[in-house]
Amino acid sequence: MRTLCSSTLIGEAMLIMFAGLVAMKLTDVGTGTIWAVSAAAIALCVLLCGVITRPGAVQVGWALQAAVLASGLVLPTMYAFGVVFGGLWWCSVHYGRKIDVLKAQRAAAEAEAAPVAA
């Protein structure tokens, strides 16, 4: 799960950076406000990459997805990107957990099949 979720979060961090650049030109929101919010969201994306396997991290990721979707109030294009990254986040969590279970089953089977050294 860690690899899939981290990949999604890094992609999202880049999206937020580019959206901040676009929002500076297309909205009346102050530059300082745009970059303060964008920097906080980017930092959260990067920090979540490191703690994604800890309890509550996936829920924080969902809150981040909601915030990206809500940023459509400032930059309407972000509604579409929020839906896309929300779907990617769901896939990353859902299939990442399935992969983790399969890896654990395979490791257990290999450990069971390995000859015992005497």
PDB file of N, CA and C in Angstrom:
ATOM      1  N   MET A   1       0.828  -1.187   0.000  1.00  0.00           N
ATOM      2  CA  MET A   1       0.000   0.000   0.000  1.00  0.00           C
ATOM      3  C   MET A   1       0.873   1.252   0.000  1.00  0.00           C
ATOM      4  N   ARG A   2       1.994   1.155   0.664  1.00  0.00           N
ATOM      5  CA  ARG A   2       2.859   2.316   0.807  1.00  0.00           C
ATOM      6  C   ARG A   2       3.282   2.893  -0.552  1.00  0.00           C
ATOM      7  N   THR A   3       3.680   2.036  -1.476  1.00  0.00           N
ATOM      8  CA  THR A   3       4.163   2.499  -2.772  1.00  0.00           C
ATOM      9  C   THR A   3       3.056   3.169  -3.578  1.00  0.00           C
ATOM     10  N   LEU A   4       1.894   2.535  -3.638  1.00  0.00           N
ATOM     11  CA  LEU A   4       0.791   3.106  -4.419  1.00  0.00           C
ATOM     12  C   LEU A   4       0.320   4.439  -3.843  1.00  0.00           C
ATOM     13  N   CYS A   5       0.133   4.482  -2.531  1.00  0.00           N
ATOM     14  CA  CYS A   5      -0.341   5.720  -1.900  1.00  0.00           C
ATOM     15  C   CYS A   5       0.694   6.830  -2.016  1.00  0.00           C
ATOM     16  N   SER A   6       1.962   6.494  -1.832  1.00  0.00           N
ATOM     17  CA  SER A   6       3.012   7.509  -1.934  1.00  0.00           C
ATOM     18  C   SER A   6       3.096   8.069  -3.350  1.00  0.00           C
ATOM     19  N   SER A   7       2.947   7.219  -4.342  1.00  0.00           N
ATOM     20  CA  SER A   7       2.969   7.686  -5.730  1.00  0.00           C
ATOM     21  C   SER A   7       1.818   8.653  -5.997  1.00  0.00           C
ATOM     22  N   THR A   8       0.660   8.317  -5.496  1.00  0.00           N
ATOM     23  CA  THR A   8      -0.500   9.199  -5.662  1.00  0.00           C
ATOM     24  C   THR A   8      -0.271  10.537  -4.963  1.00  0.00           C
ATOM     25  N   LEU A   9       0.286  10.487  -3.759  1.00  0.00           N
ATOM     26  CA  LEU A   9       0.514  11.723  -3.005  1.00  0.00           C
ATOM     27  C   LEU A   9       1.565  12.618  -3.651  1.00  0.00           C
ATOM     28  N   ILE A  10       2.610  12.037  -4.204  1.00  0.00           N
ATOM     29  CA  ILE A  10       3.627  12.852  -4.869  1.00  0.00           C
ATOM     30  C   ILE A  10       3.045  13.490  -6.138  1.00  0.00           C
ATOM     31  N   GLY A  11       2.260  12.739  -6.884  1.00  0.00           N
ATOM     32  CA  GLY A  11       1.585  13.303  -8.048  1.00  0.00           C
ATOM     33  C   GLY A  11       0.648  14.433  -7.651  1.00  0.00           C
ATOM     34  N   GLU A  12      -0.023  14.235  -6.540  1.00  0.00           N
ATOM     35  CA  GLU A  12      -0.942  15.262  -6.054  1.00  0.00           C
ATOM     36  C   GLU A  12      -0.195  16.513  -5.586  1.00  0.00           C
ATOM     37  N   ALA A  13       0.959  16.330  -4.976  1.00  0.00           N
ATOM     38  CA  ALA A  13       1.767  17.472  -4.552  1.00  0.00           C
ATOM     39  C   ALA A  13       2.172  18.314  -5.764  1.00  0.00           C
ATOM     40  N   MET A  14       2.557  17.643  -6.844  1.00  0.00           N
ATOM     41  CA  MET A  14       2.914  18.377  -8.069  1.00  0.00           C
ATOM     42  C   MET A  14       1.700  19.098  -8.644  1.00  0.00           C
ATOM     43  N   LEU A  15       0.543  18.431  -8.626  1.00  0.00           N
ATOM     44  CA  LEU A  15      -0.684  19.066  -9.098  1.00  0.00           C
ATOM     45  C   LEU A  15      -0.985  20.322  -8.292  1.00  0.00           C
ATOM     46  N   ILE A  16      -0.853  20.243  -6.979  1.00  0.00           N
ATOM     47  CA  ILE A  16      -1.143  21.390  -6.118  1.00  0.00           C
ATOM     48  C   ILE A  16      -0.186  22.541  -6.423  1.00  0.00           C
ATOM     49  N   MET A  17       1.083  22.220  -6.666  1.00  0.00           N
ATOM     50  CA  MET A  17       2.049  23.265  -6.995  1.00  0.00           C
ATOM     51  C   MET A  17       1.648  23.981  -8.293  1.00  0.00           C
ATOM     52  N   PHE A  18       1.341  23.208  -9.324  1.00  0.00           N
ATOM     53  CA  PHE A  18       0.946  23.816 -10.599  1.00  0.00           C
ATOM     54  C   PHE A  18      -0.387  24.551 -10.489  1.00  0.00           C
ATOM     55  N   ALA A  19      -1.303  24.023  -9.693  1.00  0.00           N
ATOM     56  CA  ALA A  19      -2.588  24.708  -9.494  1.00  0.00           C
ATOM     57  C   ALA A  19      -2.377  26.044  -8.793  1.00  0.00           C
ATOM     58  N   GLY A  20      -1.411  26.098  -7.889  1.00  0.00           N
ATOM     59  CA  GLY A  20      -1.095  27.367  -7.229  1.00  0.00           C
ATOM     60  C   GLY A  20      -0.611  28.400  -8.226  1.00  0.00           C
ATOM     61  N   LEU A  21       0.212  27.973  -9.169  1.00  0.00           N
ATOM     62  CA  LEU A  21       0.689  28.893 -10.205  1.00  0.00           C
ATOM     63  C   LEU A  21      -0.468  29.419 -11.059  1.00  0.00           C
ATOM     64  N   VAL A  22      -1.366  28.526 -11.409  1.00  0.00           N
ATOM     65  CA  VAL A  22      -2.518  28.931 -12.213  1.00  0.00           C
ATOM     66  C   VAL A  22      -3.442  29.845 -11.415  1.00  0.00           C
ATOM     67  N   ALA A  23      -3.666  29.509 -10.164  1.00  0.00           N
ATOM     68  CA  ALA A  23      -4.570  30.305  -9.322  1.00  0.00           C
ATOM     69  C   ALA A  23      -4.048  31.724  -9.125  1.00  0.00           C
ATOM     70  N   MET A  24      -2.734  31.900  -9.118  1.00  0.00           N
ATOM     71  CA  MET A  24      -2.176  33.255  -8.977  1.00  0.00           C
ATOM     72  C   MET A  24      -2.626  34.160 -10.116  1.00  0.00           C
ATOM     73  N   LYS A  25      -2.742  33.601 -11.313  1.00  0.00           N
ATOM     74  CA  LYS A  25      -3.087  34.400 -12.489  1.00  0.00           C
ATOM     75  C   LYS A  25      -4.588  34.514 -12.728  1.00  0.00           C
ATOM     76  N   LEU A  26      -5.341  33.476 -12.337  1.00  0.00           N
ATOM     77  CA  LEU A  26      -6.760  33.437 -12.714  1.00  0.00           C
ATOM     78  C   LEU A  26      -7.739  33.801 -11.604  1.00  0.00           C
ATOM     79  N   THR A  27      -7.251  34.047 -10.402  1.00  0.00           N
ATOM     80  CA  THR A  27      -8.171  34.363  -9.307  1.00  0.00           C
ATOM     81  C   THR A  27      -7.796  35.687  -8.655  1.00  0.00           C
ATOM     82  N   ASP A  28      -8.698  36.175  -7.829  1.00  0.00           N
ATOM     83  CA  ASP A  28      -8.457  37.414  -7.090  1.00  0.00           C
ATOM     84  C   ASP A  28      -7.885  37.148  -5.704  1.00  0.00           C
ATOM     85  N   VAL A  29      -7.651  35.897  -5.375  1.00  0.00           N
ATOM     86  CA  VAL A  29      -7.087  35.534  -4.075  1.00  0.00           C
ATOM     87  C   VAL A  29      -5.635  35.987  -4.039  1.00  0.00           C
ATOM     88  N   GLY A  30      -5.196  36.505  -2.890  1.00  0.00           N
ATOM     89  CA  GLY A  30      -3.838  37.007  -2.766  1.00  0.00           C
ATOM     90  C   GLY A  30      -2.781  35.927  -2.954  1.00  0.00           C
ATOM     91  N   THR A  31      -1.650  36.346  -3.491  1.00  0.00           N
ATOM     92  CA  THR A  31      -0.552  35.422  -3.753  1.00  0.00           C
ATOM     93  C   THR A  31      -0.071  34.751  -2.468  1.00  0.00           C
ATOM     94  N   GLY A  32       0.032  35.523  -1.402  1.00  0.00           N
ATOM     95  CA  GLY A  32       0.476  34.966  -0.123  1.00  0.00           C
ATOM     96  C   GLY A  32      -0.468  33.894   0.395  1.00  0.00           C
ATOM     97  N   THR A  33      -1.750  34.125   0.253  1.00  0.00           N
ATOM     98  CA  THR A  33      -2.750  33.150   0.691  1.00  0.00           C
ATOM     99  C   THR A  33      -2.669  31.879  -0.143  1.00  0.00           C
ATOM    100  N   ILE A  34      -2.556  32.051  -1.443  1.00  0.00           N
ATOM    101  CA  ILE A  34      -2.470  30.885  -2.334  1.00  0.00           C
ATOM    102  C   ILE A  34      -1.266  30.032  -1.968  1.00  0.00           C
ATOM    103  N   TRP A  35      -0.104  30.670  -1.775  1.00  0.00           N
ATOM    104  CA  TRP A  35       1.097  29.882  -1.511  1.00  0.00           C
ATOM    105  C   TRP A  35       1.135  29.328  -0.102  1.00  0.00           C
ATOM    106  N   ALA A  36       0.510  30.006   0.849  1.00  0.00           N
ATOM    107  CA  ALA A  36       0.453  29.451   2.209  1.00  0.00           C
ATOM    108  C   ALA A  36      -0.380  28.170   2.221  1.00  0.00           C
ATOM    109  N   VAL A  37      -1.529  28.217   1.561  1.00  0.00           N
ATOM    110  CA  VAL A  37      -2.397  27.043   1.504  1.00  0.00           C
ATOM    111  C   VAL A  37      -1.760  25.941   0.665  1.00  0.00           C
ATOM    112  N   SER A  38      -1.195  26.324  -0.470  1.00  0.00           N
ATOM    113  CA  SER A  38      -0.554  25.332  -1.342  1.00  0.00           C
ATOM    114  C   SER A  38       0.633  24.679  -0.654  1.00  0.00           C
ATOM    115  N   ALA A  39       1.461  25.469   0.004  1.00  0.00           N
ATOM    116  CA  ALA A  39       2.637  24.919   0.692  1.00  0.00           C
ATOM    117  C   ALA A  39       2.227  23.968   1.812  1.00  0.00           C
ATOM    118  N   ALA A  40       1.173  24.313   2.531  1.00  0.00           N
ATOM    119  CA  ALA A  40       0.691  23.421   3.591  1.00  0.00           C
ATOM    120  C   ALA A  40       0.195  22.101   3.008  1.00  0.00           C
ATOM    121  N   ALA A  41      -0.538  22.175   1.916  1.00  0.00           N
ATOM    122  CA  ALA A  41      -1.060  20.958   1.287  1.00  0.00           C
ATOM    123  C   ALA A  41       0.073  20.113   0.698  1.00  0.00           C
ATOM    124  N   ILE A  42       1.056  20.762   0.086  1.00  0.00           N
ATOM    125  CA  ILE A  42       2.201  20.032  -0.466  1.00  0.00           C
ATOM    126  C   ILE A  42       2.978  19.358   0.649  1.00  0.00           C
ATOM    127  N   ALA A  43       3.215  20.081   1.738  1.00  0.00           N
ATOM    128  CA  ALA A  43       3.930  19.503   2.882  1.00  0.00           C
ATOM    129  C   ALA A  43       3.169  18.311   3.457  1.00  0.00           C
ATOM    130  N   LEU A  44       1.847  18.426   3.528  1.00  0.00           N
ATOM    131  CA  LEU A  44       1.036  17.317   4.026  1.00  0.00           C
ATOM    132  C   LEU A  44       1.160  16.100   3.115  1.00  0.00           C
ATOM    133  N   CYS A  45       1.157  16.319   1.812  1.00  0.00           N
ATOM    134  CA  CYS A  45       1.328  15.207   0.855  1.00  0.00           C
ATOM    135  C   CYS A  45       2.650  14.491   1.095  1.00  0.00           C
ATOM    136  N   VAL A  46       3.715  15.260   1.218  1.00  0.00           N
ATOM    137  CA  VAL A  46       5.043  14.671   1.392  1.00  0.00           C
ATOM    138  C   VAL A  46       5.155  13.971   2.746  1.00  0.00           C
ATOM    139  N   LEU A  47       4.643  14.589   3.790  1.00  0.00           N
ATOM    140  CA  LEU A  47       4.694  13.972   5.124  1.00  0.00           C
ATOM    141  C   LEU A  47       3.876  12.682   5.183  1.00  0.00           C
ATOM    142  N   LEU A  48       2.734  12.686   4.520  1.00  0.00           N
ATOM    143  CA  LEU A  48       1.905  11.479   4.502  1.00  0.00           C
ATOM    144  C   LEU A  48       2.617  10.306   3.837  1.00  0.00           C
ATOM    145  N   CYS A  49       3.481  10.596   2.878  1.00  0.00           N
ATOM    146  CA  CYS A  49       4.241   9.513   2.231  1.00  0.00           C
ATOM    147  C   CYS A  49       5.043   8.723   3.256  1.00  0.00           C
ATOM    148  N   GLY A  50       5.569   9.405   4.244  1.00  0.00           N
ATOM    149  CA  GLY A  50       6.398   8.748   5.246  1.00  0.00           C
ATOM    150  C   GLY A  50       5.632   8.025   6.329  1.00  0.00           C
ATOM    151  N   VAL A  51       4.390   8.410   6.546  1.00  0.00           N
ATOM    152  CA  VAL A  51       3.636   7.816   7.657  1.00  0.00           C
ATOM    153  C   VAL A  51       2.378   7.088   7.198  1.00  0.00           C
ATOM    154  N   ILE A  52       2.310   6.753   5.921  1.00  0.00           N
ATOM    155  CA  ILE A  52       1.069   6.211   5.349  1.00  0.00           C
ATOM    156  C   ILE A  52       0.649   4.896   5.991  1.00  0.00           C
ATOM    157  N   THR A  53       1.573   4.136   6.543  1.00  0.00           N
ATOM    158  CA  THR A  53       1.205   2.850   7.142  1.00  0.00           C
ATOM    159  C   THR A  53       0.783   2.988   8.607  1.00  0.00           C
ATOM    160  N   ARG A  54       0.859   4.165   9.154  1.00  0.00           N
ATOM    161  CA  ARG A  54       0.471   4.372  10.558  1.00  0.00           C
ATOM    162  C   ARG A  54      -1.040   4.569  10.674  1.00  0.00           C
ATOM    163  N   PRO A  55      -1.577   4.257  11.858  1.00  0.00           N
ATOM    164  CA  PRO A  55      -3.027   4.421  12.049  1.00  0.00           C
ATOM    165  C   PRO A  55      -3.470   5.873  11.828  1.00  0.00           C
ATOM    166  N   GLY A  56      -4.532   6.041  11.109  1.00  0.00           N
ATOM    167  CA  GLY A  56      -5.106   7.355  10.868  1.00  0.00           C
ATOM    168  C   GLY A  56      -4.569   8.071   9.642  1.00  0.00           C
ATOM    169  N   ALA A  57      -3.478   7.593   9.072  1.00  0.00           N
ATOM    170  CA  ALA A  57      -2.874   8.284   7.930  1.00  0.00           C
ATOM    171  C   ALA A  57      -3.778   8.222   6.699  1.00  0.00           C
ATOM    172  N   VAL A  58      -4.430   7.100   6.486  1.00  0.00           N
ATOM    173  CA  VAL A  58      -5.318   6.978   5.322  1.00  0.00           C
ATOM    174  C   VAL A  58      -6.485   7.960   5.463  1.00  0.00           C
ATOM    175  N   GLN A  59      -6.990   8.127   6.688  1.00  0.00           N
ATOM    176  CA  GLN A  59      -8.087   9.077   6.908  1.00  0.00           C
ATOM    177  C   GLN A  59      -7.630  10.517   6.655  1.00  0.00           C
ATOM    178  N   VAL A  60      -6.406  10.834   7.041  1.00  0.00           N
ATOM    179  CA  VAL A  60      -5.861  12.162   6.744  1.00  0.00           C
ATOM    180  C   VAL A  60      -5.751  12.332   5.227  1.00  0.00           C
ATOM    181  N   GLY A  61      -5.374  11.265   4.541  1.00  0.00           N
ATOM    182  CA  GLY A  61      -5.321  11.292   3.077  1.00  0.00           C
ATOM    183  C   GLY A  61      -6.683  11.579   2.485  1.00  0.00           C
ATOM    184  N   TRP A  62      -7.727  10.982   3.055  1.00  0.00           N
ATOM    185  CA  TRP A  62      -9.088  11.257   2.568  1.00  0.00           C
ATOM    186  C   TRP A  62      -9.457  12.719   2.811  1.00  0.00           C
ATOM    187  N   ALA A  63      -9.043  13.278   3.958  1.00  0.00           N
ATOM    188  CA  ALA A  63      -9.311  14.693   4.232  1.00  0.00           C
ATOM    189  C   ALA A  63      -8.584  15.580   3.214  1.00  0.00           C
ATOM    190  N   LEU A  64      -7.387  15.178   2.854  1.00  0.00           N
ATOM    191  CA  LEU A  64      -6.638  15.915   1.834  1.00  0.00           C
ATOM    192  C   LEU A  64      -7.365  15.857   0.494  1.00  0.00           C
ATOM    193  N   GLN A  65      -7.919  14.697   0.151  1.00  0.00           N
ATOM    194  CA  GLN A  65      -8.667  14.574  -1.105  1.00  0.00           C
ATOM    195  C   GLN A  65      -9.882  15.497  -1.081  1.00  0.00           C
ATOM    196  N   ALA A  66     -10.550  15.584   0.055  1.00  0.00           N
ATOM    197  CA  ALA A  66     -11.708  16.482   0.176  1.00  0.00           C
ATOM    198  C   ALA A  66     -11.279  17.942   0.032  1.00  0.00           C
ATOM    199  N   ALA A  67     -10.118  18.279   0.582  1.00  0.00           N
ATOM    200  CA  ALA A  67      -9.623  19.652   0.472  1.00  0.00           C
ATOM    201  C   ALA A  67      -9.267  20.001  -0.970  1.00  0.00           C
ATOM    202  N   VAL A  68      -8.685  19.050  -1.691  1.00  0.00           N
ATOM    203  CA  VAL A  68      -8.370  19.291  -3.100  1.00  0.00           C
ATOM    204  C   VAL A  68      -9.665  19.494  -3.888  1.00  0.00           C
ATOM    205  N   LEU A  69     -10.665  18.694  -3.596  1.00  0.00           N
ATOM    206  CA  LEU A  69     -11.961  18.850  -4.257  1.00  0.00           C
ATOM    207  C   LEU A  69     -12.574  20.211  -3.908  1.00  0.00           C
ATOM    208  N   ALA A  70     -12.478  20.602  -2.650  1.00  0.00           N
ATOM    209  CA  ALA A  70     -13.037  21.881  -2.213  1.00  0.00           C
ATOM    210  C   ALA A  70     -12.288  23.070  -2.806  1.00  0.00           C
ATOM    211  N   SER A  71     -11.046  22.872  -3.207  1.00  0.00           N
ATOM    212  CA  SER A  71     -10.293  23.970  -3.817  1.00  0.00           C
ATOM    213  C   SER A  71     -10.895  24.384  -5.163  1.00  0.00           C
ATOM    214  N   GLY A  72     -11.839  23.602  -5.636  1.00  0.00           N
ATOM    215  CA  GLY A  72     -12.573  23.968  -6.835  1.00  0.00           C
ATOM    216  C   GLY A  72     -13.379  25.242  -6.647  1.00  0.00           C
ATOM    217  N   LEU A  73     -13.628  25.633  -5.405  1.00  0.00           N
ATOM    218  CA  LEU A  73     -14.317  26.902  -5.148  1.00  0.00           C
ATOM    219  C   LEU A  73     -13.471  28.087  -5.612  1.00  0.00           C
ATOM    220  N   VAL A  74     -12.147  27.925  -5.564  1.00  0.00           N
ATOM    221  CA  VAL A  74     -11.238  28.988  -5.986  1.00  0.00           C
ATOM    222  C   VAL A  74     -10.863  28.831  -7.457  1.00  0.00           C
ATOM    223  N   LEU A  75     -10.574  27.589  -7.854  1.00  0.00           N
ATOM    224  CA  LEU A  75     -10.156  27.290  -9.221  1.00  0.00           C
ATOM    225  C   LEU A  75     -11.025  26.132  -9.716  1.00  0.00           C
ATOM    226  N   PRO A  76     -12.076  26.405 -10.486  1.00  0.00           N
ATOM    227  CA  PRO A  76     -13.057  25.379 -10.859  1.00  0.00           C
ATOM    228  C   PRO A  76     -12.477  24.108 -11.481  1.00  0.00           C
ATOM    229  N   THR A  77     -11.348  24.191 -12.140  1.00  0.00           N
ATOM    230  CA  THR A  77     -10.727  23.005 -12.724  1.00  0.00           C
ATOM    231  C   THR A  77     -10.380  21.975 -11.650  1.00  0.00           C
ATOM    232  N   MET A  78     -10.175  22.436 -10.440  1.00  0.00           N
ATOM    233  CA  MET A  78      -9.791  21.532  -9.356  1.00  0.00           C
ATOM    234  C   MET A  78     -10.915  20.566  -8.981  1.00  0.00           C
ATOM    235  N   TYR A  79     -12.141  20.866  -9.346  1.00  0.00           N
ATOM    236  CA  TYR A  79     -13.212  19.896  -9.130  1.00  0.00           C
ATOM    237  C   TYR A  79     -12.898  18.605  -9.883  1.00  0.00           C
ATOM    238  N   ALA A  80     -12.533  18.741 -11.134  1.00  0.00           N
ATOM    239  CA  ALA A  80     -12.209  17.554 -11.946  1.00  0.00           C
ATOM    240  C   ALA A  80     -10.980  16.841 -11.395  1.00  0.00           C
ATOM    241  N   PHE A  81      -9.939  17.609 -11.073  1.00  0.00           N
ATOM    242  CA  PHE A  81      -8.725  16.992 -10.526  1.00  0.00           C
ATOM    243  C   PHE A  81      -8.993  16.358  -9.160  1.00  0.00           C
ATOM    244  N   GLY A  82      -9.876  16.963  -8.388  1.00  0.00           N
ATOM    245  CA  GLY A  82     -10.232  16.387  -7.092  1.00  0.00           C
ATOM    246  C   GLY A  82     -10.911  15.034  -7.246  1.00  0.00           C
ATOM    247  N   VAL A  83     -11.788  14.921  -8.237  1.00  0.00           N
ATOM    248  CA  VAL A  83     -12.458  13.645  -8.500  1.00  0.00           C
ATOM    249  C   VAL A  83     -11.447  12.606  -8.984  1.00  0.00           C
ATOM    250  N   VAL A  84     -10.559  13.016  -9.889  1.00  0.00           N
ATOM    251  CA  VAL A  84      -9.551  12.085 -10.414  1.00  0.00           C
ATOM    252  C   VAL A  84      -8.631  11.592  -9.301  1.00  0.00           C
ATOM    253  N   PHE A  85      -8.101  12.509  -8.499  1.00  0.00           N
ATOM    254  CA  PHE A  85      -7.190  12.089  -7.440  1.00  0.00           C
ATOM    255  C   PHE A  85      -7.916  11.374  -6.308  1.00  0.00           C
ATOM    256  N   GLY A  86      -9.176  11.686  -6.083  1.00  0.00           N
ATOM    257  CA  GLY A  86      -9.959  10.907  -5.120  1.00  0.00           C
ATOM    258  C   GLY A  86     -10.093   9.461  -5.574  1.00  0.00           C
ATOM    259  N   GLY A  87     -10.343   9.268  -6.861  1.00  0.00           N
ATOM    260  CA  GLY A  87     -10.407   7.913  -7.414  1.00  0.00           C
ATOM    261  C   GLY A  87      -9.066   7.199  -7.335  1.00  0.00           C
ATOM    262  N   LEU A  88      -7.996   7.926  -7.651  1.00  0.00           N
ATOM    263  CA  LEU A  88      -6.657   7.331  -7.537  1.00  0.00           C
ATOM    264  C   LEU A  88      -6.344   6.962  -6.095  1.00  0.00           C
ATOM    265  N   TRP A  89      -6.749   7.801  -5.158  1.00  0.00           N
ATOM    266  CA  TRP A  89      -6.509   7.517  -3.739  1.00  0.00           C
ATOM    267  C   TRP A  89      -7.267   6.252  -3.321  1.00  0.00           C
ATOM    268  N   TRP A  90      -8.528   6.158  -3.750  1.00  0.00           N
ATOM    269  CA  TRP A  90      -9.306   4.967  -3.414  1.00  0.00           C
ATOM    270  C   TRP A  90      -8.623   3.716  -3.979  1.00  0.00           C
ATOM    271  N   CYS A  91      -8.223   3.778  -5.241  1.00  0.00           N
ATOM    272  CA  CYS A  91      -7.548   2.627  -5.862  1.00  0.00           C
ATOM    273  C   CYS A  91      -6.252   2.291  -5.133  1.00  0.00           C
ATOM    274  N   SER A  92      -5.490   3.299  -4.771  1.00  0.00           N
ATOM    275  CA  SER A  92      -4.220   3.076  -4.078  1.00  0.00           C
ATOM    276  C   SER A  92      -4.435   2.377  -2.742  1.00  0.00           C
ATOM    277  N   VAL A  93      -5.420   2.827  -2.004  1.00  0.00           N
ATOM    278  CA  VAL A  93      -5.694   2.223  -0.693  1.00  0.00           C
ATOM    279  C   VAL A  93      -6.281   0.824  -0.864  1.00  0.00           C
ATOM    280  N   HIS A  94      -7.283   0.708  -1.725  1.00  0.00           N
ATOM    281  CA  HIS A  94      -7.979  -0.565  -1.903  1.00  0.00           C
ATOM    282  C   HIS A  94      -7.048  -1.657  -2.427  1.00  0.00           C
ATOM    283  N   TYR A  95      -6.403  -1.376  -3.549  1.00  0.00           N
ATOM    284  CA  TYR A  95      -5.541  -2.395  -4.152  1.00  0.00           C
ATOM    285  C   TYR A  95      -4.223  -2.541  -3.404  1.00  0.00           C
ATOM    286  N   GLY A  96      -3.767  -1.479  -2.775  1.00  0.00           N
ATOM    287  CA  GLY A  96      -2.561  -1.570  -1.958  1.00  0.00           C
ATOM    288  C   GLY A  96      -2.741  -2.533  -0.800  1.00  0.00           C
ATOM    289  N   ARG A  97      -3.899  -2.491  -0.166  1.00  0.00           N
ATOM    290  CA  ARG A  97      -4.180  -3.429   0.927  1.00  0.00           C
ATOM    291  C   ARG A  97      -4.260  -4.861   0.420  1.00  0.00           C
ATOM    292  N   LYS A  98      -4.857  -5.043  -0.753  1.00  0.00           N
ATOM    293  CA  LYS A  98      -4.919  -6.395  -1.339  1.00  0.00           C
ATOM    294  C   LYS A  98      -3.512  -6.910  -1.632  1.00  0.00           C
ATOM    295  N   ILE A  99      -2.664  -6.062  -2.163  1.00  0.00           N
ATOM    296  CA  ILE A  99      -1.285  -6.460  -2.456  1.00  0.00           C
ATOM    297  C   ILE A  99      -0.548  -6.819  -1.176  1.00  0.00           C
ATOM    298  N   ASP A 100      -0.768  -6.046  -0.108  1.00  0.00           N
ATOM    299  CA  ASP A 100      -0.117  -6.344   1.173  1.00  0.00           C
ATOM    300  C   ASP A 100      -0.531  -7.716   1.697  1.00  0.00           C
ATOM    301  N   VAL A 101      -1.810  -8.058   1.558  1.00  0.00           N
ATOM    302  CA  VAL A 101      -2.300  -9.369   2.004  1.00  0.00           C
ATOM    303  C   VAL A 101      -1.656 -10.472   1.168  1.00  0.00           C
ATOM    304  N   LEU A 102      -1.596 -10.295  -0.141  1.00  0.00           N
ATOM    305  CA  LEU A 102      -0.983 -11.299  -1.011  1.00  0.00           C
ATOM    306  C   LEU A 102       0.499 -11.472  -0.715  1.00  0.00           C
ATOM    307  N   LYS A 103       1.203 -10.381  -0.432  1.00  0.00           N
ATOM    308  CA  LYS A 103       2.623 -10.472  -0.082  1.00  0.00           C
ATOM    309  C   LYS A 103       2.809 -11.250   1.223  1.00  0.00           C
ATOM    310  N   ALA A 104       1.954 -10.990   2.195  1.00  0.00           N
ATOM    311  CA  ALA A 104       2.052 -11.692   3.475  1.00  0.00           C
ATOM    312  C   ALA A 104       1.768 -13.183   3.293  1.00  0.00           C
ATOM    313  N   GLN A 105       0.775 -13.520   2.481  1.00  0.00           N
ATOM    314  CA  GLN A 105       0.468 -14.926   2.226  1.00  0.00           C
ATOM    315  C   GLN A 105       1.624 -15.618   1.514  1.00  0.00           C
ATOM    316  N   ARG A 106       2.217 -14.931   0.570  1.00  0.00           N
ATOM    317  CA  ARG A 106       3.344 -15.518  -0.163  1.00  0.00           C
ATOM    318  C   ARG A 106       4.550 -15.717   0.756  1.00  0.00           C
ATOM    319  N   ALA A 107       4.833 -14.744   1.603  1.00  0.00           N
ATOM    320  CA  ALA A 107       5.953 -14.867   2.539  1.00  0.00           C
ATOM    321  C   ALA A 107       5.729 -16.026   3.499  1.00  0.00           C
ATOM    322  N   ALA A 108       4.484 -16.195   3.954  1.00  0.00           N
ATOM    323  CA  ALA A 108       4.171 -17.305   4.860  1.00  0.00           C
ATOM    324  C   ALA A 108       4.331 -18.636   4.152  1.00  0.00           C
ATOM    325  N   ALA A 109       3.903 -18.706   2.905  1.00  0.00           N
ATOM    326  CA  ALA A 109       4.029 -19.951   2.140  1.00  0.00           C
ATOM    327  C   ALA A 109       5.497 -20.276   1.878  1.00  0.00           C
ATOM    328  N   GLU A 110       6.300 -19.276   1.573  1.00  0.00           N
ATOM    329  CA  GLU A 110       7.719 -19.508   1.338  1.00  0.00           C
ATOM    330  C   GLU A 110       8.430 -19.930   2.615  1.00  0.00           C
ATOM    331  N   ALA A 111       8.058 -19.341   3.728  1.00  0.00           N
ATOM    332  CA  ALA A 111       8.666 -19.707   5.012  1.00  0.00           C
ATOM    333  C   ALA A 111       8.299 -21.141   5.384  1.00  0.00           C
ATOM    334  N   GLU A 112       7.087 -21.522   5.073  1.00  0.00           N
ATOM    335  CA  GLU A 112       6.626 -22.881   5.380  1.00  0.00           C
ATOM    336  C   GLU A 112       7.326 -23.909   4.489  1.00  0.00           C
ATOM    337  N   ALA A 113       7.577 -23.536   3.230  1.00  0.00           N
ATOM    338  CA  ALA A 113       8.169 -24.468   2.272  1.00  0.00           C
ATOM    339  C   ALA A 113       9.701 -24.544   2.404  1.00  0.00           C
ATOM    340  N   ALA A 114      10.311 -23.574   3.054  1.00  0.00           N
ATOM    341  CA  ALA A 114      11.769 -23.570   3.173  1.00  0.00           C
ATOM    342  C   ALA A 114      12.227 -24.706   4.084  1.00  0.00           C
ATOM    343  N   PRO A 115      13.323 -25.408   3.709  1.00  0.00           N
ATOM    344  CA  PRO A 115      13.816 -26.480   4.563  1.00  0.00           C
ATOM    345  C   PRO A 115      14.375 -25.926   5.870  1.00  0.00           C
ATOM    346  N   VAL A 116      14.180 -26.671   6.915  1.00  0.00           N
ATOM    347  CA  VAL A 116      14.636 -26.257   8.237  1.00  0.00           C
ATOM    348  C   VAL A 116      16.120 -26.643   8.351  1.00  0.00           C
ATOM    349  N   ALA A 117      16.947 -25.674   8.678  1.00  0.00           N
ATOM    350  CA  ALA A 117      18.387 -25.955   8.845  1.00  0.00           C
ATOM    351  C   ALA A 117      18.615 -26.616  10.195  1.00  0.00           C
ATOM    352  N   ALA A 118      19.414 -27.670  10.178  1.00  0.00           N
ATOM    353  CA  ALA A 118      19.643 -28.419  11.413  1.00  0.00           C
ATOM    354  C   ALA A 118      20.924 -28.008  12.089  1.00  0.00           C
TER     355      ALA A 118
END
